């Protein structure tokens, strides 16, 4: 996998989680998730593991949101298939981003000494 893509997907997933929390009016969490991508610059291994755990939990957050919003659509008699596909793909992307934090490119980035 290309080196830049292995960084873009986890950052994009964190930004999607920030947008999700912002839409649900959860105070402070959107700001925290907007700041998390900046931690990539610190290049500490525990930050890589922490972001990986956050992304893994974020995948479950998207699964719960999918379940919740699909139930709302079904109860209102609205079309829910497209919602299920989109949020399902977002949750898969978030889980994939979590596993991508174990890629060699990202491990090398976090294991190198600060320049």
Protein backbone atom coordinates (compact mmCIF):
# COMPACT_ATOMS: atom_id res chain seq x y z
CA UNK A 1 0.00 0.00 0.00
CA UNK A 2 1.20 3.48 -0.73
CA UNK A 3 2.78 5.29 2.16
CA UNK A 4 0.54 8.36 1.94
CA UNK A 5 -2.65 6.27 1.84
CA UNK A 6 -1.69 4.48 5.04
CA UNK A 7 -1.70 7.89 6.77
CA UNK A 8 -4.68 9.44 4.99
CA UNK A 9 -7.23 6.75 5.87
CA UNK A 10 -6.76 6.87 9.68
CA UNK A 11 -6.77 10.67 9.64
CA UNK A 12 -9.90 10.70 7.47
CA UNK A 13 -11.59 8.23 9.85
CA UNK A 14 -10.78 10.44 12.84
CA UNK A 15 -12.24 13.45 11.03
CA UNK A 16 -15.40 11.49 10.18
CA UNK A 17 -15.78 10.63 13.86
CA UNK A 18 -15.36 14.31 14.72
CA UNK A 19 -18.15 15.17 12.27
CA UNK A 20 -20.36 12.45 13.75
CA UNK A 21 -19.93 13.77 17.29
CA UNK A 22 -20.45 17.33 16.09
CA UNK A 23 -23.72 16.40 14.42
CA UNK A 24 -24.95 14.78 17.63
CA UNK A 25 -24.13 17.86 19.74
CA UNK A 26 -21.70 16.03 21.99
CA UNK A 27 -19.61 18.78 23.60
CA UNK A 28 -15.81 18.74 23.33
CA UNK A 29 -15.50 15.38 21.54
CA UNK A 30 -15.47 16.92 18.05
CA UNK A 31 -12.59 19.16 19.10
CA UNK A 32 -10.67 16.24 20.59
CA UNK A 33 -11.08 14.23 17.38
CA UNK A 34 -9.98 17.21 15.31
CA UNK A 35 -6.78 17.44 17.37
CA UNK A 36 -6.01 13.68 17.34
CA UNK A 37 -4.49 13.70 13.81
CA UNK A 38 -1.91 16.22 15.04
CA UNK A 39 -0.59 13.56 17.42
CA UNK A 40 0.90 11.81 14.38
CA UNK A 41 3.58 14.49 14.50
CA UNK A 42 4.80 13.41 17.95
CA UNK A 43 5.98 10.03 16.63
CA UNK A 44 5.66 8.07 19.87
CA UNK A 45 4.68 4.40 19.70
CA UNK A 46 2.11 4.66 22.51
CA UNK A 47 0.30 7.31 20.44
CA UNK A 48 0.06 4.87 17.53
CA UNK A 49 -1.45 2.23 19.81
CA UNK A 50 -3.80 4.78 21.38
CA UNK A 51 -5.07 5.98 18.00
CA UNK A 52 -5.49 2.37 16.91
CA UNK A 53 -7.67 1.65 19.96
CA UNK A 54 -9.69 4.83 19.39
CA UNK A 55 -10.31 3.88 15.76
CA UNK A 56 -11.31 0.34 16.74
CA UNK A 57 -13.84 1.71 19.25
CA UNK A 58 -14.92 4.21 16.59
CA UNK A 59 -15.84 1.31 14.31
CA UNK A 60 -18.26 0.08 16.96
CA UNK A 61 -19.61 3.60 17.36
CA UNK A 62 -20.43 3.60 13.64
CA UNK A 63 -22.11 0.19 13.94
CA UNK A 64 -24.27 1.50 16.78
CA UNK A 65 -25.09 4.67 14.81
CA UNK A 66 -26.03 2.54 11.80
CA UNK A 67 -28.35 0.40 13.91
CA UNK A 68 -29.91 3.48 15.53
CA UNK A 69 -30.48 5.46 12.32
CA UNK A 70 -31.75 2.44 10.36
CA UNK A 71 -34.32 1.78 13.10
CA UNK A 72 -35.47 5.39 12.92
CA UNK A 73 -35.84 5.18 9.14
CA UNK A 74 -37.74 1.88 9.35
CA UNK A 75 -40.12 3.22 12.01
CA UNK A 76 -40.86 6.26 9.83
CA UNK A 77 -41.40 4.12 6.76
CA UNK A 78 -38.50 5.73 4.88
CA UNK A 79 -35.91 4.12 2.63
CA UNK A 80 -33.08 2.78 4.78
CA UNK A 81 -30.99 0.63 2.42
CA UNK A 82 -28.77 3.49 1.22
CA UNK A 83 -28.18 4.60 4.82
CA UNK A 84 -27.20 1.06 5.77
CA UNK A 85 -24.75 0.80 2.87
CA UNK A 86 -23.11 4.18 3.51
CA UNK A 87 -22.73 3.85 7.27
CA UNK A 88 -21.71 0.21 6.90
CA UNK A 89 -18.90 1.26 4.57
CA UNK A 90 -17.88 4.01 6.99
CA UNK A 91 -17.66 1.50 9.84
CA UNK A 92 -15.62 -0.89 7.66
CA UNK A 93 -13.30 2.00 6.73
CA UNK A 94 -12.85 2.88 10.40
CA UNK A 95 -12.04 -0.72 11.35
CA UNK A 96 -9.65 -0.96 8.40
CA UNK A 97 -7.97 2.28 9.50
CA UNK A 98 -7.51 0.76 12.95
CA UNK A 99 -5.79 -2.29 11.50
CA UNK A 100 -3.80 -0.05 9.17
CA UNK A 101 -2.13 1.46 12.23
CA UNK A 102 -0.12 -1.81 12.34
CA UNK A 103 1.24 -1.38 8.82
CA UNK A 104 4.98 -1.16 8.32
CA UNK A 105 4.77 2.42 7.02
CA UNK A 106 3.05 3.68 10.14
CA UNK A 107 5.15 1.56 12.51
CA UNK A 108 8.30 2.92 10.86
CA UNK A 109 6.98 6.48 11.21
CA UNK A 110 6.29 6.11 14.92
CA UNK A 111 9.44 4.11 15.72
CA UNK A 112 11.88 6.55 14.14
CA UNK A 113 13.59 9.01 16.38
CA UNK A 114 12.41 12.61 16.18
CA UNK A 115 14.31 14.50 13.56
